[in-house]
Amino acid sequence: MSETYDFLFKFLVIGNAGTGKSCLLHNFIEKRFKDDSNHTIGVEFGSKVISVVNKSVKLQIWDTAGQERFRSVTRSYYRGAAGALLVYDITSRETYNALTNWLTDARMLASQNIVIILCGNKKDLDADREVTFLEASRFAQENELMFLETSALTGENVEEAFVQCARKILNKIESGELDPERMGSGIQYGDAALRQLRSPRRAQAESVQECGC
């Protein structure tokens, strides 16, 4: 059976290698931890339909490699992305210090309107923490990002990160801040939404015909 959804959003998962990006994606889709995770080579892909604010949303998620040698390849996947998880490892200050570069890439190569949620991953390793919650929270606020600490191992806040990001995109569409037609393939109407869009147009056309306009 074909999937029915109201919207399709293109998502990115970005950040340094070793932050657990692939594990976050795997946990979100499979609801379990990925034991045999190696560094992503190039780009990996996953998709899932979720329910957000009474809408059915399909997320097409591109998990990008964090190593510098793959940056020229992964940057080509940024175009049109509607949302992104910007991931760092709370036990690694190096991955936190790299966030500004990743954020700049996302806003330059995807869109200034891209909705980004900052994810401090490996929350289960709190005893080895090098980046405080308050510090990361301030960074998120200064850069107009949402923020959560996540654990790909336990699943804590993993689904919530994707849902929060998708919810903000929907809110921006409904408020008129985001125009799906200007986002290319990054935001697409699904069959259910297209039917709703056509109905008012059909009603308007019928009304015009009846009045002979």
N, C-alpha and C. Protein backbone atom coordinates (compact mmCIF):
# COMPACT_ATOMS: atom_id res chain seq x y z
N MET A 1 0.84 -1.20 0.00
CA MET A 1 0.00 0.00 0.00
C MET A 1 0.88 1.25 0.00
N SER A 2 0.48 2.27 -0.76
CA SER A 2 1.24 3.51 -0.78
C SER A 2 0.94 4.32 0.47
N GLU A 3 1.94 5.07 0.92
CA GLU A 3 1.78 5.89 2.11
C GLU A 3 0.95 7.13 1.79
N THR A 4 0.09 7.51 2.74
CA THR A 4 -0.68 8.73 2.61
C THR A 4 -0.20 9.71 3.67
N TYR A 5 0.13 10.92 3.27
CA TYR A 5 0.61 11.92 4.21
C TYR A 5 0.24 13.31 3.70
N ASP A 6 0.22 14.26 4.62
CA ASP A 6 -0.13 15.63 4.27
C ASP A 6 1.05 16.40 3.71
N PHE A 7 2.23 16.18 4.31
CA PHE A 7 3.43 16.89 3.89
C PHE A 7 4.62 15.95 3.86
N LEU A 8 5.59 16.31 3.04
CA LEU A 8 6.89 15.65 3.05
C LEU A 8 7.95 16.72 3.32
N PHE A 9 8.79 16.48 4.33
CA PHE A 9 9.86 17.41 4.68
C PHE A 9 11.21 16.74 4.49
N LYS A 10 12.12 17.45 3.86
CA LYS A 10 13.50 16.97 3.75
C LYS A 10 14.27 17.43 4.98
N PHE A 11 14.90 16.45 5.66
CA PHE A 11 15.67 16.72 6.87
C PHE A 11 17.14 16.37 6.66
N LEU A 12 18.01 17.07 7.38
CA LEU A 12 19.43 16.74 7.45
C LEU A 12 19.78 16.37 8.88
N VAL A 13 20.79 15.50 9.03
CA VAL A 13 21.42 15.28 10.34
C VAL A 13 22.89 15.62 10.15
N ILE A 14 23.34 16.70 10.80
CA ILE A 14 24.68 17.22 10.55
C ILE A 14 25.46 17.37 11.86
N GLY A 15 26.78 17.39 11.72
CA GLY A 15 27.65 17.53 12.89
C GLY A 15 28.91 16.70 12.68
N ASN A 16 29.85 16.84 13.59
CA ASN A 16 31.12 16.14 13.48
C ASN A 16 30.96 14.62 13.52
N ALA A 17 31.96 13.93 12.98
CA ALA A 17 32.00 12.47 13.07
C ALA A 17 32.09 12.04 14.53
N GLY A 18 31.43 10.93 14.85
CA GLY A 18 31.51 10.37 16.19
C GLY A 18 30.52 10.94 17.18
N THR A 19 29.63 11.82 16.72
CA THR A 19 28.65 12.42 17.64
C THR A 19 27.41 11.53 17.82
N GLY A 20 27.28 10.51 16.97
CA GLY A 20 26.14 9.60 17.09
C GLY A 20 25.00 9.93 16.16
N LYS A 21 25.29 10.61 15.06
CA LYS A 21 24.22 11.01 14.13
C LYS A 21 23.50 9.79 13.54
N SER A 22 24.28 8.81 13.07
CA SER A 22 23.66 7.62 12.47
C SER A 22 22.86 6.84 13.51
N CYS A 23 23.35 6.83 14.73
CA CYS A 23 22.63 6.13 15.81
C CYS A 23 21.32 6.83 16.15
N LEU A 24 21.32 8.16 16.09
CA LEU A 24 20.08 8.90 16.31
C LEU A 24 19.05 8.56 15.24
N LEU A 25 19.50 8.56 13.98
CA LEU A 25 18.59 8.24 12.88
C LEU A 25 18.07 6.81 13.02
N HIS A 26 18.96 5.88 13.33
CA HIS A 26 18.55 4.47 13.47
C HIS A 26 17.56 4.31 14.62
N ASN A 27 17.81 4.96 15.74
CA ASN A 27 16.90 4.86 16.89
C ASN A 27 15.54 5.44 16.54
N PHE A 28 15.53 6.56 15.81
CA PHE A 28 14.27 7.19 15.43
C PHE A 28 13.44 6.28 14.53
N ILE A 29 14.08 5.62 13.58
CA ILE A 29 13.35 4.80 12.62
C ILE A 29 13.05 3.40 13.16
N GLU A 30 14.04 2.80 13.81
CA GLU A 30 13.91 1.40 14.24
C GLU A 30 13.54 1.23 15.71
N LYS A 31 13.60 2.33 16.48
CA LYS A 31 13.29 2.28 17.91
C LYS A 31 14.25 1.38 18.70
N ARG A 32 15.48 1.33 18.26
CA ARG A 32 16.49 0.57 18.99
C ARG A 32 17.87 1.11 18.67
N PHE A 33 18.84 0.76 19.54
CA PHE A 33 20.20 1.27 19.38
C PHE A 33 20.94 0.48 18.31
N LYS A 34 21.75 1.18 17.55
CA LYS A 34 22.55 0.56 16.49
C LYS A 34 23.91 0.17 17.07
N ASP A 35 24.09 -1.13 17.35
CA ASP A 35 25.30 -1.60 18.03
C ASP A 35 26.55 -1.51 17.16
N ASP A 36 26.41 -1.79 15.88
CA ASP A 36 27.58 -1.92 15.01
C ASP A 36 27.78 -0.68 14.14
N SER A 37 27.68 0.49 14.76
CA SER A 37 27.75 1.72 13.99
C SER A 37 29.19 2.10 13.65
N ASN A 38 29.44 2.31 12.34
CA ASN A 38 30.72 2.82 11.87
C ASN A 38 30.51 4.24 11.35
N HIS A 39 31.60 4.93 11.09
CA HIS A 39 31.48 6.28 10.54
C HIS A 39 30.77 6.22 9.18
N THR A 40 29.84 7.15 8.98
CA THR A 40 29.13 7.23 7.71
C THR A 40 30.09 7.64 6.59
N ILE A 41 30.00 6.94 5.47
CA ILE A 41 30.79 7.29 4.29
C ILE A 41 29.86 7.99 3.31
N GLY A 42 30.08 9.29 3.13
CA GLY A 42 29.20 10.06 2.24
C GLY A 42 27.89 10.40 2.93
N VAL A 43 26.81 9.77 2.49
CA VAL A 43 25.47 10.08 3.02
C VAL A 43 24.66 8.80 3.16
N GLU A 44 23.91 8.71 4.26
CA GLU A 44 22.95 7.62 4.43
C GLU A 44 21.55 8.23 4.46
N PHE A 45 20.53 7.39 4.24
CA PHE A 45 19.17 7.88 4.08
C PHE A 45 18.20 7.05 4.87
N GLY A 46 17.18 7.70 5.41
CA GLY A 46 16.09 7.01 6.08
C GLY A 46 14.82 7.83 5.97
N SER A 47 13.67 7.20 6.15
CA SER A 47 12.41 7.95 6.09
C SER A 47 11.41 7.37 7.08
N LYS A 48 10.49 8.22 7.52
CA LYS A 48 9.47 7.79 8.47
C LYS A 48 8.31 8.76 8.43
N VAL A 49 7.10 8.24 8.58
CA VAL A 49 5.90 9.08 8.66
C VAL A 49 5.54 9.26 10.12
N ILE A 50 5.35 10.50 10.54
CA ILE A 50 5.00 10.81 11.92
C ILE A 50 3.74 11.67 11.94
N SER A 51 3.11 11.74 13.11
CA SER A 51 1.93 12.57 13.29
C SER A 51 2.34 13.83 14.04
N VAL A 52 2.03 14.98 13.46
CA VAL A 52 2.39 16.28 14.06
C VAL A 52 1.22 17.23 13.93
N VAL A 53 0.72 17.69 15.07
CA VAL A 53 -0.39 18.66 15.09
C VAL A 53 -1.53 18.21 14.16
N ASN A 54 -1.96 16.99 14.33
CA ASN A 54 -3.06 16.42 13.54
C ASN A 54 -2.76 16.33 12.05
N LYS A 55 -1.50 16.42 11.68
CA LYS A 55 -1.08 16.24 10.30
C LYS A 55 -0.15 15.02 10.22
N SER A 56 -0.21 14.36 9.07
CA SER A 56 0.69 13.24 8.81
C SER A 56 1.86 13.77 7.97
N VAL A 57 3.08 13.63 8.52
CA VAL A 57 4.25 14.20 7.87
C VAL A 57 5.28 13.10 7.60
N LYS A 58 5.71 13.02 6.35
CA LYS A 58 6.78 12.08 6.01
C LYS A 58 8.11 12.82 6.05
N LEU A 59 9.04 12.31 6.83
CA LEU A 59 10.37 12.89 6.90
C LEU A 59 11.31 12.07 6.02
N GLN A 60 11.97 12.74 5.09
CA GLN A 60 13.06 12.14 4.31
C GLN A 60 14.35 12.67 4.92
N ILE A 61 15.13 11.78 5.53
CA ILE A 61 16.24 12.22 6.37
C ILE A 61 17.57 11.79 5.76
N TRP A 62 18.43 12.77 5.57
CA TRP A 62 19.77 12.54 5.02
C TRP A 62 20.80 12.68 6.14
N ASP A 63 21.46 11.59 6.44
CA ASP A 63 22.48 11.54 7.49
C ASP A 63 23.84 11.74 6.83
N THR A 64 24.46 12.88 7.08
CA THR A 64 25.68 13.25 6.37
C THR A 64 26.93 12.84 7.15
N ALA A 65 27.99 12.49 6.41
CA ALA A 65 29.26 12.14 7.03
C ALA A 65 29.87 13.37 7.69
N GLY A 66 30.50 13.17 8.84
CA GLY A 66 31.07 14.30 9.57
C GLY A 66 32.52 14.58 9.27
N GLN A 67 33.20 13.65 8.58
CA GLN A 67 34.61 13.87 8.29
C GLN A 67 34.80 14.95 7.23
N GLU A 68 35.85 15.73 7.39
CA GLU A 68 36.12 16.85 6.49
C GLU A 68 36.25 16.40 5.04
N ARG A 69 36.84 15.20 4.80
CA ARG A 69 37.07 14.77 3.42
C ARG A 69 35.80 14.50 2.65
N PHE A 70 34.67 14.39 3.33
CA PHE A 70 33.39 14.15 2.66
C PHE A 70 32.56 15.43 2.51
N ARG A 71 33.05 16.57 3.01
CA ARG A 71 32.23 17.78 3.05
C ARG A 71 31.78 18.22 1.67
N SER A 72 32.66 18.09 0.67
CA SER A 72 32.28 18.52 -0.69
C SER A 72 31.15 17.66 -1.24
N VAL A 73 31.07 16.41 -0.81
CA VAL A 73 30.00 15.51 -1.25
C VAL A 73 28.71 15.81 -0.49
N THR A 74 28.81 15.90 0.82
CA THR A 74 27.60 16.05 1.63
C THR A 74 26.93 17.41 1.44
N ARG A 75 27.71 18.44 1.13
CA ARG A 75 27.12 19.76 0.95
C ARG A 75 26.10 19.80 -0.18
N SER A 76 26.25 18.92 -1.16
CA SER A 76 25.32 18.90 -2.29
C SER A 76 23.93 18.43 -1.86
N TYR A 77 23.83 17.80 -0.70
CA TYR A 77 22.54 17.30 -0.22
C TYR A 77 21.77 18.33 0.61
N TYR A 78 22.38 19.48 0.88
CA TYR A 78 21.76 20.48 1.73
C TYR A 78 20.61 21.20 1.04
N ARG A 79 20.68 21.33 -0.27
CA ARG A 79 19.76 22.19 -1.01
C ARG A 79 18.29 21.89 -0.71
N GLY A 80 17.56 22.93 -0.32
CA GLY A 80 16.12 22.81 -0.11
C GLY A 80 15.69 22.17 1.20
N ALA A 81 16.63 21.75 2.04
CA ALA A 81 16.25 21.07 3.29
C ALA A 81 15.39 21.99 4.15
N ALA A 82 14.31 21.43 4.69
CA ALA A 82 13.39 22.20 5.51
C ALA A 82 13.78 22.19 6.98
N GLY A 83 14.44 21.11 7.41
CA GLY A 83 14.80 20.98 8.81
C GLY A 83 16.12 20.26 8.98
N ALA A 84 16.73 20.44 10.16
CA ALA A 84 18.00 19.77 10.42
C ALA A 84 18.19 19.53 11.91
N LEU A 85 18.80 18.39 12.22
CA LEU A 85 19.32 18.14 13.55
C LEU A 85 20.81 18.45 13.52
N LEU A 86 21.23 19.42 14.31
CA LEU A 86 22.64 19.79 14.43
C LEU A 86 23.16 19.12 15.69
N VAL A 87 24.04 18.14 15.51
CA VAL A 87 24.39 17.22 16.61
C VAL A 87 25.82 17.44 17.08
N TYR A 88 25.99 17.50 18.40
CA TYR A 88 27.31 17.44 19.02
C TYR A 88 27.29 16.41 20.13
N ASP A 89 28.46 16.05 20.61
CA ASP A 89 28.62 15.05 21.66
C ASP A 89 28.90 15.79 22.96
N ILE A 90 28.04 15.62 23.97
CA ILE A 90 28.22 16.38 25.22
C ILE A 90 29.53 16.03 25.94
N THR A 91 30.16 14.91 25.55
CA THR A 91 31.43 14.52 26.17
C THR A 91 32.64 14.98 25.36
N SER A 92 32.41 15.75 24.31
CA SER A 92 33.49 16.19 23.43
C SER A 92 33.36 17.67 23.10
N ARG A 93 34.21 18.48 23.71
CA ARG A 93 34.17 19.92 23.43
C ARG A 93 34.55 20.21 21.98
N GLU A 94 35.38 19.37 21.39
CA GLU A 94 35.76 19.57 20.00
C GLU A 94 34.55 19.57 19.08
N THR A 95 33.62 18.65 19.31
CA THR A 95 32.42 18.59 18.46
C THR A 95 31.51 19.79 18.71
N TYR A 96 31.52 20.30 19.93
CA TYR A 96 30.72 21.50 20.26
C TYR A 96 31.33 22.73 19.60
N ASN A 97 32.65 22.83 19.61
CA ASN A 97 33.32 24.00 19.03
C ASN A 97 33.12 24.08 17.52
N ALA A 98 32.79 22.96 16.89
CA ALA A 98 32.60 22.93 15.43
C ALA A 98 31.20 23.33 15.00
N LEU A 99 30.30 23.57 15.95
CA LEU A 99 28.89 23.82 15.62
C LEU A 99 28.69 25.04 14.73
N THR A 100 29.45 26.09 14.97
CA THR A 100 29.27 27.32 14.18
C THR A 100 29.50 27.07 12.69
N ASN A 101 30.52 26.26 12.37
CA ASN A 101 30.79 25.96 10.96
C ASN A 101 29.65 25.17 10.33
N TRP A 102 29.13 24.20 11.05
CA TRP A 102 28.01 23.40 10.53
C TRP A 102 26.77 24.27 10.35
N LEU A 103 26.53 25.15 11.30
CA LEU A 103 25.37 26.03 11.24
C LEU A 103 25.46 26.98 10.04
N THR A 104 26.66 27.51 9.81
CA THR A 104 26.86 28.39 8.66
C THR A 104 26.60 27.67 7.35
N ASP A 105 27.11 26.43 7.24
CA ASP A 105 26.86 25.63 6.04
C ASP A 105 25.37 25.43 5.80
N ALA A 106 24.66 25.07 6.87
CA ALA A 106 23.22 24.77 6.73
C ALA A 106 22.45 25.98 6.24
N ARG A 107 22.75 27.14 6.80
CA ARG A 107 21.98 28.34 6.44
C ARG A 107 22.40 28.91 5.08
N MET A 108 23.63 28.64 4.67
CA MET A 108 24.08 29.12 3.37
C MET A 108 23.67 28.19 2.24
N LEU A 109 23.78 26.88 2.48
CA LEU A 109 23.59 25.90 1.41
C LEU A 109 22.18 25.34 1.34
N ALA A 110 21.47 25.32 2.45
CA ALA A 110 20.09 24.82 2.44
C ALA A 110 19.14 25.99 2.22
N SER A 111 18.94 26.78 3.27
CA SER A 111 18.05 27.94 3.19
C SER A 111 18.19 28.74 4.47
N GLN A 112 18.02 30.05 4.36
CA GLN A 112 17.99 30.88 5.57
C GLN A 112 16.80 30.51 6.44
N ASN A 113 15.78 29.92 5.84
CA ASN A 113 14.56 29.56 6.57
C ASN A 113 14.60 28.16 7.16
N ILE A 114 15.71 27.44 7.00
CA ILE A 114 15.78 26.08 7.53
C ILE A 114 15.56 26.09 9.04
N VAL A 115 14.76 25.15 9.52
CA VAL A 115 14.48 25.02 10.96
C VAL A 115 15.47 24.03 11.55
N ILE A 116 16.22 24.47 12.56
CA ILE A 116 17.29 23.64 13.11
C ILE A 116 17.09 23.42 14.60
N ILE A 117 17.26 22.19 15.03
CA ILE A 117 17.26 21.88 16.45
C ILE A 117 18.64 21.36 16.84
N LEU A 118 19.21 21.96 17.86
CA LEU A 118 20.52 21.56 18.38
C LEU A 118 20.34 20.37 19.30
N CYS A 119 21.10 19.29 19.05
CA CYS A 119 20.98 18.07 19.84
C CYS A 119 22.31 17.76 20.52
N GLY A 120 22.33 17.84 21.83
CA GLY A 120 23.50 17.41 22.60
C GLY A 120 23.36 15.91 22.86
N ASN A 121 24.02 15.10 22.05
CA ASN A 121 23.82 13.66 22.13
C ASN A 121 24.74 13.01 23.18
N LYS A 122 24.43 11.76 23.48
CA LYS A 122 25.13 10.94 24.48
C LYS A 122 24.84 11.43 25.90
N LYS A 123 23.60 11.80 26.13
CA LYS A 123 23.14 12.25 27.45
C LYS A 123 23.33 11.17 28.50
N ASP A 124 23.38 9.93 28.06
CA ASP A 124 23.58 8.82 28.99
C ASP A 124 24.99 8.80 29.59
N LEU A 125 25.92 9.60 29.01
CA LEU A 125 27.30 9.66 29.50
C LEU A 125 27.53 10.96 30.28
N ASP A 126 26.57 11.32 31.08
CA ASP A 126 26.61 12.59 31.79
C ASP A 126 27.85 12.73 32.67
N ALA A 127 28.35 11.63 33.22
CA ALA A 127 29.53 11.68 34.09
C ALA A 127 30.78 12.14 33.35
N ASP A 128 30.79 11.97 32.02
CA ASP A 128 31.95 12.36 31.21
C ASP A 128 31.72 13.68 30.47
N ARG A 129 30.73 14.41 30.88
CA ARG A 129 30.32 15.63 30.19
C ARG A 129 31.44 16.67 30.13
N GLU A 130 31.61 17.28 28.93
CA GLU A 130 32.54 18.40 28.76
C GLU A 130 31.81 19.69 28.39
N VAL A 131 30.54 19.57 28.01
CA VAL A 131 29.74 20.74 27.62
C VAL A 131 28.49 20.78 28.50
N THR A 132 28.31 21.87 29.22
CA THR A 132 27.17 21.96 30.12
C THR A 132 25.89 22.25 29.36
N PHE A 133 24.79 21.87 29.96
CA PHE A 133 23.47 22.14 29.37
C PHE A 133 23.27 23.64 29.21
N LEU A 134 23.66 24.42 30.22
CA LEU A 134 23.45 25.87 30.19
C LEU A 134 24.24 26.51 29.05
N GLU A 135 25.48 26.08 28.86
CA GLU A 135 26.32 26.64 27.80
C GLU A 135 25.70 26.39 26.42
N ALA A 136 25.27 25.16 26.19
CA ALA A 136 24.67 24.82 24.91
C ALA A 136 23.33 25.53 24.72
N SER A 137 22.58 25.68 25.81
CA SER A 137 21.30 26.36 25.77
C SER A 137 21.49 27.82 25.36
N ARG A 138 22.54 28.45 25.85
CA ARG A 138 22.84 29.83 25.48
C ARG A 138 23.21 29.93 24.00
N PHE A 139 24.01 28.97 23.54
CA PHE A 139 24.40 28.95 22.12
C PHE A 139 23.15 28.84 21.25
N ALA A 140 22.24 27.96 21.64
CA ALA A 140 21.00 27.78 20.88
C ALA A 140 20.17 29.06 20.85
N GLN A 141 20.06 29.70 21.99
CA GLN A 141 19.27 30.93 22.08
C GLN A 141 19.88 32.04 21.22
N GLU A 142 21.21 32.19 21.27
CA GLU A 142 21.90 33.23 20.51
C GLU A 142 21.74 33.02 19.00
N ASN A 143 21.60 31.75 18.59
CA ASN A 143 21.52 31.43 17.16
C ASN A 143 20.12 31.04 16.71
N GLU A 144 19.13 31.29 17.57
CA GLU A 144 17.72 31.04 17.26
C GLU A 144 17.47 29.59 16.88
N LEU A 145 17.99 28.69 17.71
CA LEU A 145 17.81 27.25 17.52
C LEU A 145 16.97 26.69 18.66
N MET A 146 16.25 25.64 18.38
CA MET A 146 15.67 24.84 19.45
C MET A 146 16.79 23.97 20.04
N PHE A 147 16.58 23.43 21.21
CA PHE A 147 17.65 22.67 21.87
C PHE A 147 17.10 21.54 22.73
N LEU A 148 17.71 20.38 22.57
CA LEU A 148 17.42 19.21 23.42
C LEU A 148 18.71 18.43 23.63
N GLU A 149 18.81 17.77 24.77
CA GLU A 149 19.87 16.77 24.95
C GLU A 149 19.25 15.40 24.70
N THR A 150 19.94 14.57 23.94
CA THR A 150 19.39 13.30 23.49
C THR A 150 20.31 12.14 23.86
N SER A 151 19.78 10.95 23.78
CA SER A 151 20.59 9.73 23.93
C SER A 151 20.14 8.71 22.90
N ALA A 152 21.01 8.44 21.93
CA ALA A 152 20.69 7.41 20.94
C ALA A 152 20.70 6.03 21.58
N LEU A 153 21.39 5.89 22.72
CA LEU A 153 21.44 4.59 23.41
C LEU A 153 20.13 4.27 24.10
N THR A 154 19.60 5.23 24.88
CA THR A 154 18.37 4.99 25.63
C THR A 154 17.12 5.42 24.86
N GLY A 155 17.32 6.24 23.84
CA GLY A 155 16.18 6.75 23.07
C GLY A 155 15.60 8.04 23.63
N GLU A 156 16.18 8.57 24.70
CA GLU A 156 15.65 9.76 25.33
C GLU A 156 15.67 10.95 24.37
N ASN A 157 14.52 11.55 24.19
CA ASN A 157 14.33 12.77 23.37
C ASN A 157 14.66 12.60 21.88
N VAL A 158 14.88 11.38 21.42
CA VAL A 158 15.23 11.18 20.01
C VAL A 158 14.04 11.52 19.11
N GLU A 159 12.91 10.87 19.35
CA GLU A 159 11.73 11.17 18.53
C GLU A 159 11.28 12.61 18.74
N GLU A 160 11.39 13.09 19.97
CA GLU A 160 10.96 14.45 20.29
C GLU A 160 11.74 15.47 19.47
N ALA A 161 13.02 15.21 19.22
CA ALA A 161 13.84 16.14 18.44
C ALA A 161 13.28 16.30 17.02
N PHE A 162 12.97 15.17 16.38
CA PHE A 162 12.42 15.21 15.02
C PHE A 162 11.02 15.83 15.01
N VAL A 163 10.22 15.48 16.01
CA VAL A 163 8.84 15.99 16.08
C VAL A 163 8.83 17.49 16.32
N GLN A 164 9.66 17.97 17.24
CA GLN A 164 9.71 19.41 17.52
C GLN A 164 10.10 20.21 16.28
N CYS A 165 11.08 19.68 15.56
CA CYS A 165 11.55 20.35 14.35
C CYS A 165 10.43 20.39 13.30
N ALA A 166 9.77 19.26 13.10
CA ALA A 166 8.67 19.20 12.13
C ALA A 166 7.51 20.09 12.53
N ARG A 167 7.23 20.15 13.83
CA ARG A 167 6.13 20.98 14.32
C ARG A 167 6.39 22.46 14.03
N LYS A 168 7.64 22.88 14.21
CA LYS A 168 7.96 24.28 13.96
C LYS A 168 7.85 24.61 12.47
N ILE A 169 8.24 23.66 11.61
CA ILE A 169 8.09 23.86 10.17
C ILE A 169 6.61 24.03 9.82
N LEU A 170 5.77 23.15 10.37
CA LEU A 170 4.32 23.25 10.12
C LEU A 170 3.77 24.60 10.58
N ASN A 171 4.20 25.02 11.77
CA ASN A 171 3.73 26.31 12.30
C ASN A 171 4.12 27.46 11.37
N LYS A 172 5.33 27.38 10.82
CA LYS A 172 5.80 28.43 9.91
C LYS A 172 5.02 28.42 8.60
N ILE A 173 4.65 27.23 8.13
CA ILE A 173 3.84 27.14 6.91
C ILE A 173 2.46 27.76 7.15
N GLU A 174 1.85 27.41 8.29
CA GLU A 174 0.51 27.88 8.59
C GLU A 174 0.46 29.39 8.85
N SER A 175 1.56 29.93 9.39
CA SER A 175 1.61 31.37 9.66
C SER A 175 2.02 32.19 8.44
N GLY A 176 2.44 31.49 7.38
CA GLY A 176 2.87 32.18 6.18
C GLY A 176 4.34 32.55 6.14
N GLU A 177 5.09 32.19 7.21
CA GLU A 177 6.53 32.48 7.24
C GLU A 177 7.29 31.63 6.23
N LEU A 178 6.79 30.44 5.98
CA LEU A 178 7.42 29.54 5.02
C LEU A 178 6.47 29.27 3.87
N ASP A 179 6.95 29.44 2.66
CA ASP A 179 6.17 29.13 1.47
C ASP A 179 6.72 27.84 0.86
N PRO A 180 5.97 26.73 0.95
CA PRO A 180 6.47 25.45 0.41
C PRO A 180 6.91 25.53 -1.04
N GLU A 181 6.26 26.37 -1.82
CA GLU A 181 6.61 26.46 -3.24
C GLU A 181 7.98 27.08 -3.47
N ARG A 182 8.49 27.79 -2.47
CA ARG A 182 9.82 28.39 -2.58
C ARG A 182 10.92 27.51 -2.00
N MET A 183 10.54 26.36 -1.45
CA MET A 183 11.51 25.46 -0.82
C MET A 183 11.91 24.32 -1.76
N GLY A 184 11.48 24.38 -3.02
CA GLY A 184 11.83 23.32 -3.95
C GLY A 184 11.27 21.99 -3.49
N SER A 185 12.12 20.96 -3.49
CA SER A 185 11.67 19.63 -3.09
C SER A 185 11.77 19.43 -1.58
N GLY A 186 12.23 20.45 -0.86
CA GLY A 186 12.41 20.32 0.59
C GLY A 186 11.12 20.21 1.36
N ILE A 187 10.05 20.83 0.83
CA ILE A 187 8.70 20.70 1.40
C ILE A 187 7.76 20.38 0.26
N GLN A 188 7.07 19.26 0.38
CA GLN A 188 6.12 18.86 -0.65
C GLN A 188 4.77 18.55 -0.02
N TYR A 189 3.71 18.85 -0.74
CA TYR A 189 2.38 18.47 -0.30
C TYR A 189 2.15 16.99 -0.62
N GLY A 190 1.60 16.28 0.34
CA GLY A 190 1.19 14.90 0.09
C GLY A 190 -0.20 14.86 -0.50
N ASP A 191 -0.67 13.65 -0.81
CA ASP A 191 -1.98 13.49 -1.45
C ASP A 191 -3.10 14.11 -0.62
N ALA A 192 -3.04 13.90 0.71
CA ALA A 192 -4.11 14.39 1.57
C ALA A 192 -4.18 15.91 1.53
N ALA A 193 -3.02 16.58 1.60
CA ALA A 193 -3.00 18.04 1.57
C ALA A 193 -3.41 18.58 0.21
N LEU A 194 -3.00 17.90 -0.85
CA LEU A 194 -3.37 18.34 -2.20
C LEU A 194 -4.88 18.30 -2.39
N ARG A 195 -5.53 17.28 -1.83
CA ARG A 195 -6.98 17.19 -1.94
C ARG A 195 -7.64 18.38 -1.26
N GLN A 196 -7.09 18.78 -0.09
CA GLN A 196 -7.65 19.92 0.62
C GLN A 196 -7.42 21.21 -0.14
N LEU A 197 -6.27 21.33 -0.78
CA LEU A 197 -5.97 22.52 -1.56
C LEU A 197 -6.87 22.64 -2.77
N ARG A 198 -7.15 21.50 -3.39
CA ARG A 198 -7.97 21.52 -4.61
C ARG A 198 -9.42 21.83 -4.31
N SER A 199 -9.91 21.41 -3.13
CA SER A 199 -11.32 21.58 -2.81
C SER A 199 -11.75 23.05 -2.83
N PRO A 200 -11.02 23.96 -2.14
CA PRO A 200 -11.43 25.37 -2.21
C PRO A 200 -11.35 25.93 -3.62
N ARG A 201 -10.35 25.51 -4.38
CA ARG A 201 -10.21 26.00 -5.74
C ARG A 201 -11.37 25.52 -6.61
N ARG A 202 -11.77 24.25 -6.41
CA ARG A 202 -12.88 23.72 -7.17
C ARG A 202 -14.16 24.46 -6.81
N ALA A 203 -14.35 24.72 -5.51
CA ALA A 203 -15.55 25.42 -5.04
C ALA A 203 -15.59 26.83 -5.62
N GLN A 204 -14.41 27.48 -5.67
CA GLN A 204 -14.35 28.83 -6.21
C GLN A 204 -14.68 28.83 -7.70
N ALA A 205 -14.14 27.82 -8.42
CA ALA A 205 -14.41 27.72 -9.85
C ALA A 205 -15.88 27.51 -10.11
N GLU A 206 -16.53 26.64 -9.30
CA GLU A 206 -17.95 26.37 -9.46
C GLU A 206 -18.77 27.62 -9.18
N SER A 207 -18.33 28.41 -8.18
CA SER A 207 -19.05 29.63 -7.84
C SER A 207 -18.96 30.64 -8.97
N VAL A 208 -17.81 30.71 -9.62
CA VAL A 208 -17.63 31.63 -10.74
C VAL A 208 -18.53 31.23 -11.91
N GLN A 209 -18.61 29.90 -12.14
CA GLN A 209 -19.43 29.43 -13.25
C GLN A 209 -20.91 29.73 -13.00
N GLU A 210 -21.34 29.57 -11.73
CA GLU A 210 -22.76 29.77 -11.40
C GLU A 210 -23.16 31.23 -11.58
N CYS A 211 -22.24 32.17 -11.26
CA CYS A 211 -22.60 33.57 -11.36
C CYS A 211 -22.32 34.12 -12.77
N GLY A 212 -21.75 33.27 -13.63
CA GLY A 212 -21.49 33.67 -15.00
C GLY A 212 -20.36 34.67 -15.14
N CYS A 213 -19.46 34.70 -14.15
CA CYS A 213 -18.36 35.67 -14.19
C CYS A 213 -17.29 35.25 -15.19
